[in-house]
Structures are given as structure tokens and as C-alpha cells.
Protein backbone atom coordinates (compact mmCIF):
# COMPACT_ATOMS: atom_id res chain seq x y z
CA MET A 1 0.00 0.00 0.00
CA ARG A 2 1.17 3.52 -0.75
CA PRO A 3 2.50 5.34 2.34
CA PRO A 4 -0.20 7.63 3.72
CA GLY A 5 0.14 11.35 3.19
CA ARG A 6 -0.57 13.88 5.91
CA CYS A 7 -3.63 15.75 4.72
CA GLY A 8 -5.46 16.23 8.00
CA VAL A 9 -3.15 18.99 9.22
CA PRO A 10 -4.56 22.54 8.76
CA ARG A 11 -1.28 23.86 7.37
CA ALA A 12 -1.14 21.26 4.58
CA SER A 13 -0.98 22.46 0.99
CA PRO A 14 -4.44 22.85 -0.60
CA ALA A 15 -3.32 20.45 -3.35
CA LEU A 16 -3.05 17.70 -0.76
CA LEU A 17 -6.41 18.23 0.92
CA LEU A 18 -9.59 16.28 0.30
CA LEU A 19 -11.48 17.48 -2.76
CA PRO A 20 -14.19 19.61 -1.13
CA LEU A 21 -17.03 18.57 -3.42
CA LEU A 22 -16.13 15.01 -4.36
CA VAL A 23 -15.98 12.68 -1.39
CA PRO A 24 -16.03 8.93 -0.81
CA LEU A 25 -18.84 7.91 1.54
CA LEU A 26 -18.65 5.12 4.09
CA GLY A 27 -22.02 3.60 3.13
CA ALA A 28 -22.86 1.42 0.15
CA PRO A 29 -22.67 3.35 -3.16
CA ARG A 30 -25.73 4.11 -5.23
CA GLY A 31 -26.67 1.10 -7.33
CA VAL A 32 -24.52 -1.27 -5.28
CA GLY A 33 -26.05 -3.48 -2.63
CA ALA A 34 -24.55 -3.53 0.83
CA GLY A 35 -24.91 -7.28 1.12
CA ALA A 36 -22.90 -10.08 -0.40
CA GLY A 37 -25.22 -10.50 -3.38
CA ALA A 38 -24.67 -9.41 -6.96
CA SER A 39 -24.23 -5.70 -7.55
CA SER A 40 -24.66 -3.39 -10.50
CA PRO A 41 -22.02 -0.86 -11.56
CA SER A 42 -22.20 2.56 -9.93
CA GLU A 43 -21.97 5.63 -12.16
CA LEU A 44 -20.76 9.15 -11.55
CA ARG A 45 -21.09 11.99 -14.07
CA VAL A 46 -18.77 14.96 -13.72
CA ARG A 47 -18.11 18.07 -15.75
CA VAL A 48 -14.43 18.33 -16.64
CA ARG A 49 -12.21 20.89 -18.31
CA LEU A 50 -10.29 19.59 -21.33
CA PRO A 51 -6.67 20.57 -22.06
CA ASP A 52 -7.91 23.10 -24.67
CA GLY A 53 -10.10 24.81 -22.05
CA GLN A 54 -13.45 23.46 -23.26
CA VAL A 55 -15.81 21.70 -20.86
CA THR A 56 -17.40 18.30 -21.41
CA GLU A 57 -19.23 15.70 -19.35
CA GLU A 58 -17.38 12.58 -18.28
CA SER A 59 -18.98 9.34 -17.12
CA LEU A 60 -17.15 7.12 -14.63
CA GLN A 61 -18.42 3.64 -13.80
CA ALA A 62 -17.07 1.18 -11.25
CA ASP A 63 -17.96 -2.48 -10.86
CA SER A 64 -16.44 -3.80 -7.64
CA ASP A 65 -17.60 -7.38 -8.37
CA ALA A 66 -15.83 -7.44 -11.74
CA ASP A 67 -13.03 -5.29 -10.26
CA SER A 68 -13.14 -2.88 -13.19
CA ILE A 69 -13.48 0.82 -13.92
CA SER A 70 -14.61 2.57 -17.09
CA LEU A 71 -14.45 6.21 -18.14
CA GLU A 72 -16.07 7.84 -21.16
CA LEU A 73 -16.10 11.36 -22.59
CA ARG A 74 -16.93 13.07 -25.87
CA LYS A 75 -14.40 15.46 -27.40
CA PRO A 76 -15.54 18.74 -29.02
CA ASP A 77 -14.99 17.23 -32.51
CA GLY A 78 -17.49 14.47 -31.69
CA THR A 79 -14.94 11.72 -31.01
CA LEU A 80 -16.04 9.38 -28.21
CA VAL A 81 -13.12 8.29 -26.02
CA SER A 82 -13.38 5.51 -23.47
CA PHE A 83 -10.96 3.92 -21.03
CA THR A 84 -11.46 0.59 -19.26
CA ALA A 85 -9.30 -0.74 -16.42
CA ASP A 86 -9.58 -4.48 -15.75
CA PHE A 87 -7.77 -5.05 -12.45
CA LYS A 88 -8.33 -8.82 -12.49
CA LYS A 89 -6.50 -9.27 -15.79
CA ASP A 90 -3.96 -6.40 -15.54
CA VAL A 91 -5.39 -4.90 -18.74
CA LYS A 92 -6.36 -1.40 -19.75
CA ILE A 93 -8.26 -0.64 -22.95
CA PHE A 94 -8.43 2.70 -24.75
CA ARG A 95 -11.10 3.07 -27.42
CA ALA A 96 -11.75 5.95 -29.79
CA LEU A 97 -14.82 6.26 -32.04
CA ILE A 98 -13.77 8.88 -34.58
CA LEU A 99 -16.31 10.55 -36.84
CA GLY A 100 -15.47 9.82 -40.47
CA GLU A 101 -15.06 12.37 -43.26
CA LEU A 102 -17.68 11.24 -45.74
CA GLU A 103 -16.46 13.67 -48.41
CA LYS A 104 -13.10 11.85 -48.33
CA GLY A 105 -14.66 8.44 -48.79
CA GLN A 106 -14.55 7.38 -45.15
CA SER A 107 -17.30 5.49 -43.34
CA GLN A 108 -19.56 7.20 -40.81
CA PHE A 109 -17.10 6.52 -38.01
CA GLN A 110 -13.83 4.72 -37.44
CA ALA A 111 -13.05 2.74 -34.30
CA LEU A 112 -9.63 2.13 -32.74
CA CYS A 113 -8.71 0.07 -29.68
CA PHE A 114 -5.36 0.11 -27.89
CA VAL A 115 -4.72 -2.51 -25.21
CA THR A 116 -1.87 -2.20 -22.72
CA ARG A 117 -0.82 -3.55 -19.36
CA LEU A 118 -2.50 -2.01 -16.32
CA HIS A 119 -0.33 -1.15 -13.35
CA HIS A 120 -2.45 -0.99 -10.22
CA ASN A 121 -0.98 2.31 -9.03
CA GLU A 122 -2.24 4.16 -12.13
CA ILE A 123 -5.80 4.66 -10.89
CA ILE A 124 -7.71 4.17 -7.64
CA PRO A 125 -9.22 0.73 -6.87
CA SER A 126 -12.69 -0.11 -8.16
CA GLU A 127 -14.21 -0.33 -4.68
CA ALA A 128 -13.00 3.21 -3.91
CA MET A 129 -14.27 4.53 -7.26
CA ALA A 130 -17.69 3.00 -6.57
CA LYS A 131 -18.03 5.16 -3.44
CA LEU A 132 -17.27 8.53 -5.02
CA ARG A 133 -19.97 11.19 -4.76
CA GLN A 134 -20.19 14.88 -5.61
CA LYS A 135 -22.23 17.50 -3.81
CA ASN A 136 -22.28 19.98 -6.69
CA PRO A 137 -22.87 18.28 -10.08
CA ARG A 138 -22.50 21.61 -11.93
CA ALA A 139 -18.97 22.22 -10.71
CA VAL A 140 -16.26 21.94 -13.38
CA ARG A 141 -13.41 19.64 -12.36
CA GLN A 142 -9.82 20.29 -13.34
CA ALA A 143 -7.06 17.79 -12.65
CA GLU A 144 -4.75 18.58 -9.75
CA GLU A 145 -1.80 16.83 -11.41
CA VAL A 146 -0.77 16.65 -15.07
CA ARG A 147 1.17 13.44 -15.55
CA GLY A 148 3.81 13.16 -18.25
CA PRO A 149 2.65 12.14 -21.73
CA GLU A 150 3.25 8.56 -22.85
CA ARG A 151 4.05 7.49 -26.40
CA MET A 152 3.63 3.85 -27.36
CA HIS A 153 4.63 1.83 -30.41
CA MET A 154 1.83 -0.67 -31.03
CA ASP A 155 3.38 -3.51 -33.01
CA ILE A 156 1.01 -6.43 -32.29
CA ALA A 157 -2.63 -6.96 -33.33
CA VAL A 158 -5.19 -8.50 -30.98
CA ASN A 159 -7.38 -11.28 -32.40
CA PHE A 160 -10.90 -10.08 -31.61
CA SER A 161 -12.40 -13.58 -31.69
CA GLN A 162 -10.00 -14.65 -28.91
CA GLY A 163 -10.03 -11.33 -27.06
CA ALA A 164 -12.07 -12.61 -24.11
CA LEU A 165 -9.04 -14.74 -23.13
CA LEU A 166 -7.18 -11.49 -22.49
CA SER A 167 -10.05 -9.55 -20.88
CA PRO A 168 -13.80 -10.25 -20.79
CA HIS A 169 -14.35 -6.52 -21.43
CA LEU A 170 -12.59 -6.50 -24.79
CA ARG A 171 -15.38 -8.06 -26.86
CA ASN A 172 -17.84 -5.41 -25.73
CA VAL A 173 -15.55 -2.37 -25.70
CA CYS A 174 -13.85 -3.12 -29.03
CA ALA A 175 -16.84 -4.57 -30.92
CA GLU A 176 -16.68 -1.76 -33.52
CA ALA A 177 -12.89 -2.09 -33.93
CA VAL A 178 -12.61 -5.78 -34.86
CA ASP A 179 -9.73 -5.18 -37.30
CA ALA A 180 -8.11 -2.30 -35.41
CA ILE A 181 -7.13 -3.61 -31.96
CA TYR A 182 -3.48 -3.02 -31.16
CA THR A 183 -1.05 -3.82 -28.37
CA ARG A 184 2.75 -4.01 -27.98
CA GLN A 185 5.32 -6.75 -27.58
CA GLU A 186 6.45 -5.85 -24.06
CA ASP A 187 2.90 -6.15 -22.73
CA VAL A 188 2.29 -9.38 -24.67
CA ARG A 189 5.33 -10.94 -23.00
CA PHE A 190 3.90 -10.09 -19.58
CA TRP A 191 0.45 -11.53 -20.38
CA LEU A 192 1.95 -14.73 -21.85
CA GLU A 193 3.86 -15.19 -18.59
CA GLN A 194 0.51 -14.84 -16.78
CA GLY A 195 -0.91 -17.71 -18.83
CA VAL A 196 -2.80 -15.87 -21.59
CA ASP A 197 -3.05 -18.01 -24.72
CA GLY A 198 -0.82 -16.95 -27.61
CA SER A 199 -3.73 -17.24 -30.07
CA VAL A 200 -4.94 -13.86 -28.79
CA PHE A 201 -2.09 -12.06 -30.54
CA GLU A 202 -1.13 -11.64 -34.19
CA ALA A 203 2.08 -10.20 -35.60
CA LEU A 204 2.00 -6.98 -37.61
CA PRO A 205 4.74 -6.13 -40.15
CA LYS A 206 8.14 -6.45 -38.48
CA ALA A 207 9.57 -3.41 -36.71
CA TRP A 208 12.30 -2.98 -39.31
CA GLU A 209 9.67 -2.94 -42.05
CA GLN A 210 7.71 -0.29 -40.18
CA VAL A 211 10.81 1.85 -39.76
CA SER A 212 11.07 2.09 -43.54
CA LEU A 213 7.44 3.19 -43.84
CA PRO A 214 6.56 6.90 -43.83
CA ARG A 215 4.30 8.54 -41.30
CA CYS A 216 0.82 8.72 -42.77
CA GLY A 217 1.01 12.51 -42.79
CA GLN A 218 3.92 12.22 -45.24
CA ALA A 219 2.49 9.48 -47.46
CA GLY A 220 1.09 10.92 -50.67
CA ASP A 221 -0.93 7.96 -51.94
CA ARG A 222 -3.99 7.21 -49.80
CA GLY A 223 -3.76 3.55 -50.75
CA ARG A 224 -0.20 3.22 -49.45
CA PRO A 225 0.69 1.57 -46.09
CA CYS A 226 2.10 3.90 -43.45
CA VAL A 227 2.62 4.41 -39.74
CA CYS A 228 -0.35 6.16 -38.17
CA ARG A 229 -0.33 8.16 -34.95
CA TYR A 230 -3.35 8.77 -32.78
CA GLY A 231 -3.40 10.80 -29.59
CA LEU A 232 -5.94 11.01 -26.80
CA SER A 233 -6.13 12.47 -23.32
CA LEU A 234 -7.80 11.42 -20.09
CA ALA A 235 -8.72 14.90 -18.91
CA TRP A 236 -9.71 13.99 -15.35
CA TYR A 237 -9.55 10.72 -13.44
CA PRO A 238 -9.00 9.71 -9.79
CA CYS A 239 -5.40 8.53 -9.81
CA MET A 240 -4.58 8.27 -6.12
CA LEU A 241 -6.22 7.88 -2.72
CA LYS A 242 -5.54 10.44 -0.01
CA TYR A 243 -5.07 9.47 3.61
CA CYS A 244 -5.63 11.68 6.64
CA HIS A 245 -4.56 11.53 10.27
CA SER A 246 -6.64 12.32 13.31
CA ARG A 247 -6.02 12.32 17.03
CA ASP A 248 -9.25 10.31 17.40
CA ARG A 249 -8.09 7.50 15.11
CA PRO A 250 -5.01 5.34 15.69
CA ALA A 251 -4.45 4.64 11.98
CA PRO A 252 -4.57 6.79 8.83
CA TYR A 253 -7.91 6.71 7.04
CA LYS A 254 -9.05 7.33 3.46
CA CYS A 255 -10.33 10.86 3.14
CA GLY A 256 -10.41 11.68 -0.56
CA ILE A 257 -8.75 11.38 -3.94
CA ARG A 258 -6.16 13.11 -6.06
CA SER A 259 -7.16 13.75 -9.67
CA CYS A 260 -4.85 13.50 -12.67
CA GLN A 261 -4.72 14.26 -16.38
CA LYS A 262 -2.62 12.20 -18.79
CA SER A 263 -2.08 12.18 -22.54
CA TYR A 264 -1.20 9.19 -24.70
CA SER A 265 -0.07 8.80 -28.29
CA PHE A 266 -0.07 5.52 -30.20
CA ASP A 267 1.96 4.68 -33.33
CA PHE A 268 0.63 1.74 -35.34
CA TYR A 269 0.70 0.21 -38.81
CA VAL A 270 -2.18 0.76 -41.24
CA PRO A 271 -2.38 -0.89 -44.69
CA GLN A 272 -3.49 2.37 -46.31
CA LYS A 273 -3.37 6.07 -45.48
CA GLN A 274 -7.14 6.26 -45.99
CA LEU A 275 -7.46 4.75 -42.49
CA CYS A 276 -5.48 7.60 -40.91
CA LEU A 277 -6.60 10.87 -42.46
CA TRP A 278 -6.40 12.74 -39.14
CA ASP A 279 -2.63 12.29 -39.02
CA GLU A 280 -1.63 15.29 -41.10
CA ASP A 281 1.42 16.42 -39.16
CA PRO A 282 4.87 15.05 -40.04
């Protein structure tokens, strides 16, 4: 467990204090039974400020039985971004539903899924997320901490028909992205060591072949293979629990969360530039 921070002292920095309007309650969360029976996921909707200053609504769901968390938000351009954390399988799934440009011959929307290893210190546990509440639903949340951007080279495809062997959430989350589910070799090695069947993964063109390919923004012919880049940002998510101290309690106790923002970019192979028309920059 992470060492507790001292946030119950009046002189503590405001950045370390309990979020005043978003607090975890001690009782059973809305939609989740207090008994040992089956529970339904709890949902929290918050207004968040995006990196460009615009405000959107974000939905956070937690299922403590499945030990999973999901987050979903719509970007100003209409793109629907979702993030799923599967703590049981050490898997996180990013999905983007991108509106197509019909005048350029694209379909109504294009779906992408990126699957990577989940480290349990990246986001708060599902049982803590399920207890989050807010007193003022109209308040606009802005992350307290901006974590460094992460760039990933996605060089392995995930076989959708076998995806449930990696995570039971994948078949539902990535249903629109059957032929566009990507992961990377270093994460595949970890999952194989955990007993995941190798049939889940399929090789993409070798790394040395991809190195010789241009970025899609530099490829002239729309029918030519290239290396695509897609970026997304989680504008606001509970990344850490806060612990407080009190003279009345012998041990530190959970008293809130710390919120974070993090950006990701993914490089991956596409058989034709037509599948990556957003990637215009070199």
C-alpha cells in the first residue's frame, strides 16, 4: 500500500487536501447493494475541463464485483473516447470512435482500440471509485496533477475472436474495432507469462519494415501503407487515494482522492493512409 500522506493537518498544501465537493462515503454506493449478493455498476457523471479549455461531461463507472473501472467522454470534434481498467487481468483498454469524413470516402465513423498492461498504481481501486460522490454536479473539475505524456509503439494486433481470453471486457468495448485492436510486444510478454493463450495475438509487419514506412502525414498515396499516430487524453480521473490523520483514530484513514490528467499517443501500422486521415502532421 502507498504510504499515507498527511492531509489532516490545517497547514497542509491545498493540493493535498480532500477534494471539497467530491468525497467517498462510508455507506454502500448508489446502485450497489450492501450485502454479499450481486451488484450493478455505480456511475458518476462529472463536468471536466479539457486541455484546450473546453468543458465536457465525463462518465465514470465502477464495478467492484468485476473489479473494473470505465471512463467515457466526448471530445468537441465528436470523437467518443473511453478507457477501461480491468484489475483482475492487468489490462487497460483505450477506445476511440472517430467521426469519419464522408467527403473523403470514409465510413460514418472509425473505431480504434489500444490494449496495454495495467499497473495498479495508475488509478484508484474499483471499490474506492464506486463510493465517489459529488455535492455539486454543476462544478467543473480540473485535474490537480498533469502526468507526463506517454508514447507507445503498437506492433502487435489482438485477435478479436480470442479477445475474451485477455479480458472479458474487450469483446464489448472493441466490438466496432474488430480489425483495429493493437497492443505491444512488451505487454504481450507479460500476459503470456501470466498464462494468456498466444492465439490472442497476431504479428504486424516487423519493426524494421515499419521503420522504412513513412508517417501517414507524409504518405502521398492514400492507398499506401504507413505508420499512423493517434493521440488522446484522459482529462480527469481519480489517480490516487488520499489518507488523513486524526487524534481520534489510531491509523490513517481514506479521506479523498487526487485527480490526474494524462495524454497518450499511439503509433501503429495501417495498410493504407485512408485509415489515418487525421494524421496530417509530419
